[in-house]
Amino acid sequence: MATRQNSTNGKPKSPRIQVVLPELICEQLNILAENESRTVSNMAKVLIQQGIKNYLKREAKSQTSDTAVNTENFRDTLERQSIKRLKGAPQRIRYTKKSENK
C-alpha cells in the first residue's frame, strides 16, 4: 500500500511508492525523462498512467468481444433448433378465485 505523508502546511501529499527496477529499465527511464525534459519520477508516473489506461482498454475490449462471442453462440444455437408448430388455436386460460368459506 502506498504511504501517505503530510506536508509542512498539514495538507496530505500524494501517495508514494517505492519500486526496484533492473538497471537497463532504469537507464531507459532516465533517457526518456531527459528527452522529454521531465524528472525521472514524473516520467515514471506518466508511463504508469499510460500503461494502466492501455490495460483497462484491452480488458474492456476483451469483455466486449466475449459478449459478442456469447451472443453469436446463442444465436447460432437458436437457429439450429428445429421449428415446432403448435397444434390448434391458442386457448385462453381463465383464472378463477376460490371462494373462502369460514
PDB file of N, CA and C in Angstrom:
ATOM      1  N   MET A   1       0.848  -1.178   0.000  1.00  0.00           N
ATOM      2  CA  MET A   1       0.000   0.000   0.000  1.00  0.00           C
ATOM      3  C   MET A   1       0.886   1.231   0.000  1.00  0.00           C
ATOM      4  N   ALA A   2       0.520   2.219  -0.793  1.00  0.00           N
ATOM      5  CA  ALA A   2       1.289   3.454  -0.866  1.00  0.00           C
ATOM      6  C   ALA A   2       1.183   4.212   0.448  1.00  0.00           C
ATOM      7  N   THR A   3       2.295   4.823   0.858  1.00  0.00           N
ATOM      8  CA  THR A   3       2.269   5.598   2.104  1.00  0.00           C
ATOM      9  C   THR A   3       1.823   7.018   1.803  1.00  0.00           C
ATOM     10  N   ARG A   4       1.107   7.603   2.756  1.00  0.00           N
ATOM     11  CA  ARG A   4       0.614   8.964   2.588  1.00  0.00           C
ATOM     12  C   ARG A   4       1.239   9.819   3.676  1.00  0.00           C
ATOM     13  N   GLN A   5       1.856  10.906   3.259  1.00  0.00           N
ATOM     14  CA  GLN A   5       2.522  11.801   4.197  1.00  0.00           C
ATOM     15  C   GLN A   5       1.818  13.146   4.196  1.00  0.00           C
ATOM     16  N   ASN A   6       2.101  13.942   5.237  1.00  0.00           N
ATOM     17  CA  ASN A   6       1.566  15.297   5.293  1.00  0.00           C
ATOM     18  C   ASN A   6       2.691  16.289   5.022  1.00  0.00           C
ATOM     19  N   SER A   7       2.353  17.360   4.293  1.00  0.00           N
ATOM     20  CA  SER A   7       3.348  18.398   4.030  1.00  0.00           C
ATOM     21  C   SER A   7       3.456  19.301   5.250  1.00  0.00           C
ATOM     22  N   THR A   8       4.351  20.274   5.207  1.00  0.00           N
ATOM     23  CA  THR A   8       4.566  21.163   6.348  1.00  0.00           C
ATOM     24  C   THR A   8       3.332  21.993   6.670  1.00  0.00           C
ATOM     25  N   ASN A   9       2.485  22.251   5.673  1.00  0.00           N
ATOM     26  CA  ASN A   9       1.267  23.036   5.942  1.00  0.00           C
ATOM     27  C   ASN A   9       0.094  22.157   6.365  1.00  0.00           C
ATOM     28  N   GLY A  10       0.326  20.870   6.545  1.00  0.00           N
ATOM     29  CA  GLY A  10      -0.708  19.974   7.046  1.00  0.00           C
ATOM     30  C   GLY A  10      -1.529  19.285   5.977  1.00  0.00           C
ATOM     31  N   LYS A  11      -1.421  19.709   4.718  1.00  0.00           N
ATOM     32  CA  LYS A  11      -2.184  19.079   3.640  1.00  0.00           C
ATOM     33  C   LYS A  11      -1.553  17.728   3.298  1.00  0.00           C
ATOM     34  N   PRO A  12      -2.370  16.734   2.976  1.00  0.00           N
ATOM     35  CA  PRO A  12      -1.806  15.428   2.632  1.00  0.00           C
ATOM     36  C   PRO A  12      -1.092  15.469   1.282  1.00  0.00           C
ATOM     37  N   LYS A  13       0.069  14.823   1.226  1.00  0.00           N
ATOM     38  CA  LYS A  13       0.799  14.695  -0.036  1.00  0.00           C
ATOM     39  C   LYS A  13       0.221  13.522  -0.822  1.00  0.00           C
ATOM     40  N   SER A  14       0.552  13.473  -2.098  1.00  0.00           N
ATOM     41  CA  SER A  14       0.144  12.327  -2.919  1.00  0.00           C
ATOM     42  C   SER A  14       0.805  11.070  -2.378  1.00  0.00           C
ATOM     43  N   PRO A  15       0.150   9.912  -2.519  1.00  0.00           N
ATOM     44  CA  PRO A  15       0.743   8.667  -2.039  1.00  0.00           C
ATOM     45  C   PRO A  15       2.072   8.375  -2.737  1.00  0.00           C
ATOM     46  N   ARG A  16       2.991   7.770  -2.013  1.00  0.00           N
ATOM     47  CA  ARG A  16       4.321   7.435  -2.529  1.00  0.00           C
ATOM     48  C   ARG A  16       4.467   5.925  -2.608  1.00  0.00           C
ATOM     49  N   ILE A  17       5.157   5.479  -3.641  1.00  0.00           N
ATOM     50  CA  ILE A  17       5.501   4.062  -3.733  1.00  0.00           C
ATOM     51  C   ILE A  17       6.994   3.952  -4.004  1.00  0.00           C
ATOM     52  N   GLN A  18       7.525   2.793  -3.724  1.00  0.00           N
ATOM     53  CA  GLN A  18       8.944   2.545  -3.993  1.00  0.00           C
ATOM     54  C   GLN A  18       9.020   1.346  -4.922  1.00  0.00           C
ATOM     55  N   VAL A  19       9.799   1.485  -5.996  1.00  0.00           N
ATOM     56  CA  VAL A  19       9.890   0.430  -6.995  1.00  0.00           C
ATOM     57  C   VAL A  19      11.356   0.106  -7.224  1.00  0.00           C
ATOM     58  N   VAL A  20      11.662  -1.162  -7.340  1.00  0.00           N
ATOM     59  CA  VAL A  20      13.016  -1.598  -7.665  1.00  0.00           C
ATOM     60  C   VAL A  20      13.025  -1.998  -9.137  1.00  0.00           C
ATOM     61  N   LEU A  21      13.890  -1.340  -9.930  1.00  0.00           N
ATOM     62  CA  LEU A  21      13.944  -1.588 -11.370  1.00  0.00           C
ATOM     63  C   LEU A  21      15.277  -2.237 -11.752  1.00  0.00           C
ATOM     64  N   PRO A  22      15.250  -3.077 -12.774  1.00  0.00           N
ATOM     65  CA  PRO A  22      16.509  -3.563 -13.316  1.00  0.00           C
ATOM     66  C   PRO A  22      17.294  -2.378 -13.898  1.00  0.00           C
ATOM     67  N   GLU A  23      18.597  -2.532 -13.951  1.00  0.00           N
ATOM     68  CA  GLU A  23      19.454  -1.429 -14.381  1.00  0.00           C
ATOM     69  C   GLU A  23      19.109  -0.934 -15.783  1.00  0.00           C
ATOM     70  N   LEU A  24      18.842  -1.850 -16.706  1.00  0.00           N
ATOM     71  CA  LEU A  24      18.527  -1.462 -18.085  1.00  0.00           C
ATOM     72  C   LEU A  24      17.264  -0.602 -18.142  1.00  0.00           C
ATOM     73  N   ILE A  25      16.219  -1.005 -17.427  1.00  0.00           N
ATOM     74  CA  ILE A  25      14.973  -0.234 -17.434  1.00  0.00           C
ATOM     75  C   ILE A  25      15.200   1.133 -16.795  1.00  0.00           C
ATOM     76  N   CYS A  26      16.004   1.179 -15.754  1.00  0.00           N
ATOM     77  CA  CYS A  26      16.303   2.451 -15.098  1.00  0.00           C
ATOM     78  C   CYS A  26      17.030   3.395 -16.063  1.00  0.00           C
ATOM     79  N   GLU A  27      17.976   2.860 -16.822  1.00  0.00           N
ATOM     80  CA  GLU A  27      18.699   3.684 -17.812  1.00  0.00           C
ATOM     81  C   GLU A  27      17.736   4.191 -18.882  1.00  0.00           C
ATOM     82  N   GLN A  28      16.856   3.311 -19.351  1.00  0.00           N
ATOM     83  CA  GLN A  28      15.893   3.710 -20.376  1.00  0.00           C
ATOM     84  C   GLN A  28      14.950   4.785 -19.838  1.00  0.00           C
ATOM     85  N   LEU A  29      14.537   4.646 -18.591  1.00  0.00           N
ATOM     86  CA  LEU A  29      13.668   5.636 -17.961  1.00  0.00           C
ATOM     87  C   LEU A  29      14.377   6.986 -17.863  1.00  0.00           C
ATOM     88  N   ASN A  30      15.654   6.974 -17.504  1.00  0.00           N
ATOM     89  CA  ASN A  30      16.438   8.205 -17.433  1.00  0.00           C
ATOM     90  C   ASN A  30      16.533   8.885 -18.797  1.00  0.00           C
ATOM     91  N   ILE A  31      16.753   8.098 -19.840  1.00  0.00           N
ATOM     92  CA  ILE A  31      16.872   8.651 -21.200  1.00  0.00           C
ATOM     93  C   ILE A  31      15.542   9.261 -21.637  1.00  0.00           C
ATOM     94  N   LEU A  32      14.432   8.533 -21.400  1.00  0.00           N
ATOM     95  CA  LEU A  32      13.118   9.066 -21.765  1.00  0.00           C
ATOM     96  C   LEU A  32      12.814  10.362 -21.022  1.00  0.00           C
ATOM     97  N   ALA A  33      13.126  10.384 -19.739  1.00  0.00           N
ATOM     98  CA  ALA A  33      12.874  11.579 -18.933  1.00  0.00           C
ATOM     99  C   ALA A  33      13.682  12.758 -19.458  1.00  0.00           C
ATOM    100  N   GLU A  34      14.930  12.512 -19.802  1.00  0.00           N
ATOM    101  CA  GLU A  34      15.788  13.580 -20.322  1.00  0.00           C
ATOM    102  C   GLU A  34      15.269  14.076 -21.667  1.00  0.00           C
ATOM    103  N   ASN A  35      14.839  13.164 -22.517  1.00  0.00           N
ATOM    104  CA  ASN A  35      14.323  13.542 -23.838  1.00  0.00           C
ATOM    105  C   ASN A  35      13.075  14.413 -23.745  1.00  0.00           C
ATOM    106  N   GLU A  36      12.257  14.198 -22.711  1.00  0.00           N
ATOM    107  CA  GLU A  36      11.016  14.955 -22.556  1.00  0.00           C
ATOM    108  C   GLU A  36      11.121  16.065 -21.520  1.00  0.00           C
ATOM    109  N   SER A  37      12.328  16.325 -21.052  1.00  0.00           N
ATOM    110  CA  SER A  37      12.584  17.362 -20.037  1.00  0.00           C
ATOM    111  C   SER A  37      11.698  17.165 -18.802  1.00  0.00           C
ATOM    112  N   ARG A  38      11.686  15.954 -18.309  1.00  0.00           N
ATOM    113  CA  ARG A  38      10.920  15.608 -17.125  1.00  0.00           C
ATOM    114  C   ARG A  38      11.862  15.045 -16.079  1.00  0.00           C
ATOM    115  N   THR A  39      11.373  15.001 -14.840  1.00  0.00           N
ATOM    116  CA  THR A  39      12.118  14.274 -13.823  1.00  0.00           C
ATOM    117  C   THR A  39      11.874  12.785 -14.043  1.00  0.00           C
ATOM    118  N   VAL A  40      12.771  11.974 -13.510  1.00  0.00           N
ATOM    119  CA  VAL A  40      12.615  10.528 -13.649  1.00  0.00           C
ATOM    120  C   VAL A  40      11.315  10.088 -12.972  1.00  0.00           C
ATOM    121  N   SER A  41      11.024  10.665 -11.820  1.00  0.00           N
ATOM    122  CA  SER A  41       9.804  10.327 -11.097  1.00  0.00           C
ATOM    123  C   SER A  41       8.565  10.676 -11.917  1.00  0.00           C
ATOM    124  N   ASN A  42       8.561  11.858 -12.532  1.00  0.00           N
ATOM    125  CA  ASN A  42       7.408  12.273 -13.331  1.00  0.00           C
ATOM    126  C   ASN A  42       7.270  11.403 -14.573  1.00  0.00           C
ATOM    127  N   MET A  43       8.393  11.050 -15.179  1.00  0.00           N
ATOM    128  CA  MET A  43       8.350  10.194 -16.367  1.00  0.00           C
ATOM    129  C   MET A  43       7.779   8.829 -16.000  1.00  0.00           C
ATOM    130  N   ALA A  44       8.174   8.294 -14.849  1.00  0.00           N
ATOM    131  CA  ALA A  44       7.646   7.006 -14.396  1.00  0.00           C
ATOM    132  C   ALA A  44       6.141   7.107 -14.181  1.00  0.00           C
ATOM    133  N   LYS A  45       5.692   8.212 -13.590  1.00  0.00           N
ATOM    134  CA  LYS A  45       4.253   8.431 -13.357  1.00  0.00           C
ATOM    135  C   LYS A  45       3.493   8.432 -14.678  1.00  0.00           C
ATOM    136  N   VAL A  46       4.016   9.161 -15.671  1.00  0.00           N
ATOM    137  CA  VAL A  46       3.353   9.248 -16.983  1.00  0.00           C
ATOM    138  C   VAL A  46       3.269   7.870 -17.628  1.00  0.00           C
ATOM    139  N   LEU A  47       4.358   7.115 -17.581  1.00  0.00           N
ATOM    140  CA  LEU A  47       4.369   5.791 -18.205  1.00  0.00           C
ATOM    141  C   LEU A  47       3.425   4.825 -17.484  1.00  0.00           C
ATOM    142  N   ILE A  48       3.348   4.929 -16.165  1.00  0.00           N
ATOM    143  CA  ILE A  48       2.419   4.078 -15.409  1.00  0.00           C
ATOM    144  C   ILE A  48       0.978   4.433 -15.774  1.00  0.00           C
ATOM    145  N   GLN A  49       0.668   5.730 -15.871  1.00  0.00           N
ATOM    146  CA  GLN A  49      -0.689   6.149 -16.255  1.00  0.00           C
ATOM    147  C   GLN A  49      -1.051   5.615 -17.635  1.00  0.00           C
ATOM    148  N   GLN A  50      -0.119   5.713 -18.576  1.00  0.00           N
ATOM    149  CA  GLN A  50      -0.382   5.210 -19.931  1.00  0.00           C
ATOM    150  C   GLN A  50      -0.574   3.693 -19.919  1.00  0.00           C
ATOM    151  N   GLY A  51       0.249   3.002 -19.131  1.00  0.00           N
ATOM    152  CA  GLY A  51       0.128   1.544 -19.044  1.00  0.00           C
ATOM    153  C   GLY A  51      -1.208   1.119 -18.469  1.00  0.00           C
ATOM    154  N   ILE A  52      -1.658   1.803 -17.435  1.00  0.00           N
ATOM    155  CA  ILE A  52      -2.950   1.477 -16.825  1.00  0.00           C
ATOM    156  C   ILE A  52      -4.078   1.748 -17.809  1.00  0.00           C
ATOM    157  N   LYS A  53      -3.999   2.880 -18.513  1.00  0.00           N
ATOM    158  CA  LYS A  53      -5.031   3.235 -19.496  1.00  0.00           C
ATOM    159  C   LYS A  53      -5.110   2.163 -20.593  1.00  0.00           C
ATOM    160  N   ASN A  54      -3.960   1.747 -21.107  1.00  0.00           N
ATOM    161  CA  ASN A  54      -3.927   0.712 -22.149  1.00  0.00           C
ATOM    162  C   ASN A  54      -4.448  -0.622 -21.622  1.00  0.00           C
ATOM    163  N   TYR A  55      -4.102  -0.959 -20.397  1.00  0.00           N
ATOM    164  CA  TYR A  55      -4.553  -2.208 -19.789  1.00  0.00           C
ATOM    165  C   TYR A  55      -6.073  -2.224 -19.672  1.00  0.00           C
ATOM    166  N   LEU A  56      -6.637  -1.119 -19.167  1.00  0.00           N
ATOM    167  CA  LEU A  56      -8.090  -1.051 -18.999  1.00  0.00           C
ATOM    168  C   LEU A  56      -8.806  -1.099 -20.343  1.00  0.00           C
ATOM    169  N   LYS A  57      -8.244  -0.459 -21.360  1.00  0.00           N
ATOM    170  CA  LYS A  57      -8.835  -0.526 -22.709  1.00  0.00           C
ATOM    171  C   LYS A  57      -8.851  -1.961 -23.215  1.00  0.00           C
ATOM    172  N   ARG A  58      -7.726  -2.650 -23.033  1.00  0.00           N
ATOM    173  CA  ARG A  58      -7.609  -4.024 -23.507  1.00  0.00           C
ATOM    174  C   ARG A  58      -8.593  -4.926 -22.765  1.00  0.00           C
ATOM    175  N   GLU A  59      -8.742  -4.730 -21.458  1.00  0.00           N
ATOM    176  CA  GLU A  59      -9.692  -5.520 -20.679  1.00  0.00           C
ATOM    177  C   GLU A  59     -11.121  -5.267 -21.138  1.00  0.00           C
ATOM    178  N   ALA A  60     -11.461  -3.991 -21.346  1.00  0.00           N
ATOM    179  CA  ALA A  60     -12.817  -3.648 -21.801  1.00  0.00           C
ATOM    180  C   ALA A  60     -13.085  -4.254 -23.170  1.00  0.00           C
ATOM    181  N   LYS A  61     -12.082  -4.226 -24.022  1.00  0.00           N
ATOM    182  CA  LYS A  61     -12.235  -4.778 -25.371  1.00  0.00           C
ATOM    183  C   LYS A  61     -12.430  -6.287 -25.309  1.00  0.00           C
ATOM    184  N   SER A  62     -11.689  -6.974 -24.445  1.00  0.00           N
ATOM    185  CA  SER A  62     -11.829  -8.428 -24.356  1.00  0.00           C
ATOM    186  C   SER A  62     -13.189  -8.800 -23.772  1.00  0.00           C
ATOM    187  N   GLN A  63     -13.700  -8.001 -22.820  1.00  0.00           N
ATOM    188  CA  GLN A  63     -15.024  -8.277 -22.267  1.00  0.00           C
ATOM    189  C   GLN A  63     -16.094  -8.055 -23.321  1.00  0.00           C
ATOM    190  N   THR A  64     -15.927  -7.013 -24.134  1.00  0.00           N
ATOM    191  CA  THR A  64     -16.884  -6.740 -25.204  1.00  0.00           C
ATOM    192  C   THR A  64     -16.858  -7.858 -26.229  1.00  0.00           C
ATOM    193  N   SER A  65     -15.662  -8.332 -26.587  1.00  0.00           N
ATOM    194  CA  SER A  65     -15.575  -9.403 -27.577  1.00  0.00           C
ATOM    195  C   SER A  65     -16.130 -10.701 -27.010  1.00  0.00           C
ATOM    196  N   ASP A  66     -15.955 -10.935 -25.681  1.00  0.00           N
ATOM    197  CA  ASP A  66     -16.538 -12.122 -25.058  1.00  0.00           C
ATOM    198  C   ASP A  66     -18.048 -12.073 -25.151  1.00  0.00           C
ATOM    199  N   THR A  67     -18.638 -10.899 -24.929  1.00  0.00           N
ATOM    200  CA  THR A  67     -20.083 -10.735 -25.009  1.00  0.00           C
ATOM    201  C   THR A  67     -20.557 -10.982 -26.436  1.00  0.00           C
ATOM    202  N   ALA A  68     -19.803 -10.461 -27.417  1.00  0.00           N
ATOM    203  CA  ALA A  68     -20.171 -10.651 -28.819  1.00  0.00           C
ATOM    204  C   ALA A  68     -20.112 -12.131 -29.180  1.00  0.00           C
ATOM    205  N   VAL A  69     -19.095 -12.835 -28.691  1.00  0.00           N
ATOM    206  CA  VAL A  69     -18.968 -14.264 -28.968  1.00  0.00           C
ATOM    207  C   VAL A  69     -20.127 -15.017 -28.333  1.00  0.00           C
ATOM    208  N   ASN A  70     -20.469 -14.658 -27.087  1.00  0.00           N
ATOM    209  CA  ASN A  70     -21.591 -15.321 -26.409  1.00  0.00           C
ATOM    210  C   ASN A  70     -22.893 -15.084 -27.153  1.00  0.00           C
ATOM    211  N   THR A  71     -23.097 -13.872 -27.656  1.00  0.00           N
ATOM    212  CA  THR A  71     -24.304 -13.557 -28.420  1.00  0.00           C
ATOM    213  C   THR A  71     -24.350 -14.367 -29.705  1.00  0.00           C
ATOM    214  N   GLU A  72     -23.217 -14.466 -30.387  1.00  0.00           N
ATOM    215  CA  GLU A  72     -23.160 -15.252 -31.629  1.00  0.00           C
ATOM    216  C   GLU A  72     -23.464 -16.724 -31.346  1.00  0.00           C
ATOM    217  N   ASN A  73     -22.886 -17.255 -30.282  1.00  0.00           N
ATOM    218  CA  ASN A  73     -23.137 -18.661 -29.935  1.00  0.00           C
ATOM    219  C   ASN A  73     -24.609 -18.889 -29.620  1.00  0.00           C
ATOM    220  N   PHE A  74     -25.210 -17.975 -28.875  1.00  0.00           N
ATOM    221  CA  PHE A  74     -26.630 -18.079 -28.532  1.00  0.00           C
ATOM    222  C   PHE A  74     -27.489 -18.057 -29.789  1.00  0.00           C
ATOM    223  N   ARG A  75     -27.183 -17.125 -30.701  1.00  0.00           N
ATOM    224  CA  ARG A  75     -27.946 -17.007 -31.942  1.00  0.00           C
ATOM    225  C   ARG A  75     -27.799 -18.270 -32.785  1.00  0.00           C
ATOM    226  N   ASP A  76     -26.563 -18.780 -32.895  1.00  0.00           N
ATOM    227  CA  ASP A  76     -26.339 -19.993 -33.678  1.00  0.00           C
ATOM    228  C   ASP A  76     -27.114 -21.173 -33.103  1.00  0.00           C
ATOM    229  N   THR A  77     -27.122 -21.289 -31.781  1.00  0.00           N
ATOM    230  CA  THR A  77     -27.854 -22.378 -31.128  1.00  0.00           C
ATOM    231  C   THR A  77     -29.343 -22.276 -31.422  1.00  0.00           C
ATOM    232  N   LEU A  78     -29.887 -21.065 -31.334  1.00  0.00           N
ATOM    233  CA  LEU A  78     -31.311 -20.885 -31.633  1.00  0.00           C
ATOM    234  C   LEU A  78     -31.628 -21.218 -33.081  1.00  0.00           C
ATOM    235  N   GLU A  79     -30.766 -20.822 -33.995  1.00  0.00           N
ATOM    236  CA  GLU A  79     -31.029 -21.068 -35.412  1.00  0.00           C
ATOM    237  C   GLU A  79     -30.953 -22.553 -35.755  1.00  0.00           C
ATOM    238  N   ARG A  80     -30.175 -23.320 -35.012  1.00  0.00           N
ATOM    239  CA  ARG A  80     -30.042 -24.746 -35.282  1.00  0.00           C
ATOM    240  C   ARG A  80     -31.215 -25.561 -34.734  1.00  0.00           C
ATOM    241  N   GLN A  81     -31.991 -24.981 -33.847  1.00  0.00           N
ATOM    242  CA  GLN A  81     -33.120 -25.713 -33.269  1.00  0.00           C
ATOM    243  C   GLN A  81     -34.205 -25.920 -34.319  1.00  0.00           C
ATOM    244  N   SER A  82     -34.880 -27.067 -34.184  1.00  0.00           N
ATOM    245  CA  SER A  82     -35.963 -27.333 -35.134  1.00  0.00           C
ATOM    246  C   SER A  82     -37.181 -26.497 -34.746  1.00  0.00           C
ATOM    247  N   ILE A  83     -37.979 -26.194 -35.757  1.00  0.00           N
ATOM    248  CA  ILE A  83     -39.177 -25.393 -35.539  1.00  0.00           C
ATOM    249  C   ILE A  83     -40.312 -26.326 -35.146  1.00  0.00           C
ATOM    250  N   LYS A  84     -40.968 -26.018 -34.057  1.00  0.00           N
ATOM    251  CA  LYS A  84     -42.097 -26.832 -33.602  1.00  0.00           C
ATOM    252  C   LYS A  84     -43.374 -26.017 -33.795  1.00  0.00           C
ATOM    253  N   ARG A  85     -44.301 -26.592 -34.492  1.00  0.00           N
ATOM    254  CA  ARG A  85     -45.581 -25.931 -34.742  1.00  0.00           C
ATOM    255  C   ARG A  85     -46.568 -26.297 -33.640  1.00  0.00           C
ATOM    256  N   LEU A  86     -47.345 -25.321 -33.242  1.00  0.00           N
ATOM    257  CA  LEU A  86     -48.397 -25.584 -32.268  1.00  0.00           C
ATOM    258  C   LEU A  86     -49.602 -26.159 -32.994  1.00  0.00           C
ATOM    259  N   LYS A  87     -50.290 -27.074 -32.351  1.00  0.00           N
ATOM    260  CA  LYS A  87     -51.485 -27.664 -32.961  1.00  0.00           C
ATOM    261  C   LYS A  87     -52.706 -26.916 -32.464  1.00  0.00           C
ATOM    262  N   GLY A  88     -53.533 -26.476 -33.355  1.00  0.00           N
ATOM    263  CA  GLY A  88     -54.769 -25.797 -32.987  1.00  0.00           C
ATOM    264  C   GLY A  88     -54.534 -24.346 -32.595  1.00  0.00           C
ATOM    265  N   ALA A  89     -55.655 -23.683 -32.373  1.00  0.00           N
ATOM    266  CA  ALA A  89     -55.592 -22.277 -31.989  1.00  0.00           C
ATOM    267  C   ALA A  89     -55.219 -22.169 -30.509  1.00  0.00           C
ATOM    268  N   PRO A  90     -54.555 -21.080 -30.154  1.00  0.00           N
ATOM    269  CA  PRO A  90     -54.222 -20.907 -28.736  1.00  0.00           C
ATOM    270  C   PRO A  90     -55.496 -20.793 -27.905  1.00  0.00           C
ATOM    271  N   GLN A  91     -55.476 -21.342 -26.733  1.00  0.00           N
ATOM    272  CA  GLN A  91     -56.640 -21.301 -25.855  1.00  0.00           C
ATOM    273  C   GLN A  91     -56.412 -20.283 -24.752  1.00  0.00           C
ATOM    274  N   ARG A  92     -57.543 -19.691 -24.353  1.00  0.00           N
ATOM    275  CA  ARG A  92     -57.472 -18.692 -23.293  1.00  0.00           C
ATOM    276  C   ARG A  92     -57.477 -19.416 -21.954  1.00  0.00           C
ATOM    277  N   ILE A  93     -56.645 -18.973 -21.079  1.00  0.00           N
ATOM    278  CA  ILE A  93     -56.597 -19.548 -19.742  1.00  0.00           C
ATOM    279  C   ILE A  93     -57.407 -18.640 -18.831  1.00  0.00           C
ATOM    280  N   ARG A  94     -58.331 -19.233 -18.085  1.00  0.00           N
ATOM    281  CA  ARG A  94     -59.149 -18.451 -17.174  1.00  0.00           C
ATOM    282  C   ARG A  94     -58.771 -18.804 -15.747  1.00  0.00           C
ATOM    283  N   TYR A  95     -58.571 -17.761 -15.004  1.00  0.00           N
ATOM    284  CA  TYR A  95     -58.249 -17.932 -13.594  1.00  0.00           C
ATOM    285  C   TYR A  95     -59.479 -17.587 -12.781  1.00  0.00           C
ATOM    286  N   THR A  96     -59.830 -18.430 -11.864  1.00  0.00           N
ATOM    287  CA  THR A  96     -60.979 -18.165 -11.010  1.00  0.00           C
ATOM    288  C   THR A  96     -60.512 -18.069  -9.573  1.00  0.00           C
ATOM    289  N   LYS A  97     -61.170 -17.176  -8.851  1.00  0.00           N
ATOM    290  CA  LYS A  97     -60.844 -17.028  -7.438  1.00  0.00           C
ATOM    291  C   LYS A  97     -61.554 -18.107  -6.663  1.00  0.00           C
ATOM    292  N   LYS A  98     -60.868 -18.654  -5.703  1.00  0.00           N
ATOM    293  CA  LYS A  98     -61.507 -19.617  -4.829  1.00  0.00           C
ATOM    294  C   LYS A  98     -62.291 -18.857  -3.785  1.00  0.00           C
ATOM    295  N   SER A  99     -63.490 -19.286  -3.577  1.00  0.00           N
ATOM    296  CA  SER A  99     -64.291 -18.618  -2.531  1.00  0.00           C
ATOM    297  C   SER A  99     -63.855 -19.154  -1.179  1.00  0.00           C
ATOM    298  N   GLU A 100     -63.715 -18.226  -0.266  1.00  0.00           N
ATOM    299  CA  GLU A 100     -63.273 -18.623   1.071  1.00  0.00           C
ATOM    300  C   GLU A 100     -64.503 -18.846   1.939  1.00  0.00           C
ATOM    301  N   ASN A 101     -64.638 -20.028   2.444  1.00  0.00           N
ATOM    302  CA  ASN A 101     -65.744 -20.366   3.351  1.00  0.00           C
ATOM    303  C   ASN A 101     -65.211 -20.437   4.763  1.00  0.00           C
ATOM    304  N   LYS A 102     -65.716 -19.568   5.607  1.00  0.00           N
ATOM    305  CA  LYS A 102     -65.277 -19.592   7.001  1.00  0.00           C
ATOM    306  C   LYS A 102     -66.393 -19.970   7.915  1.00  0.00           C
TER     307      LYS A 102
END
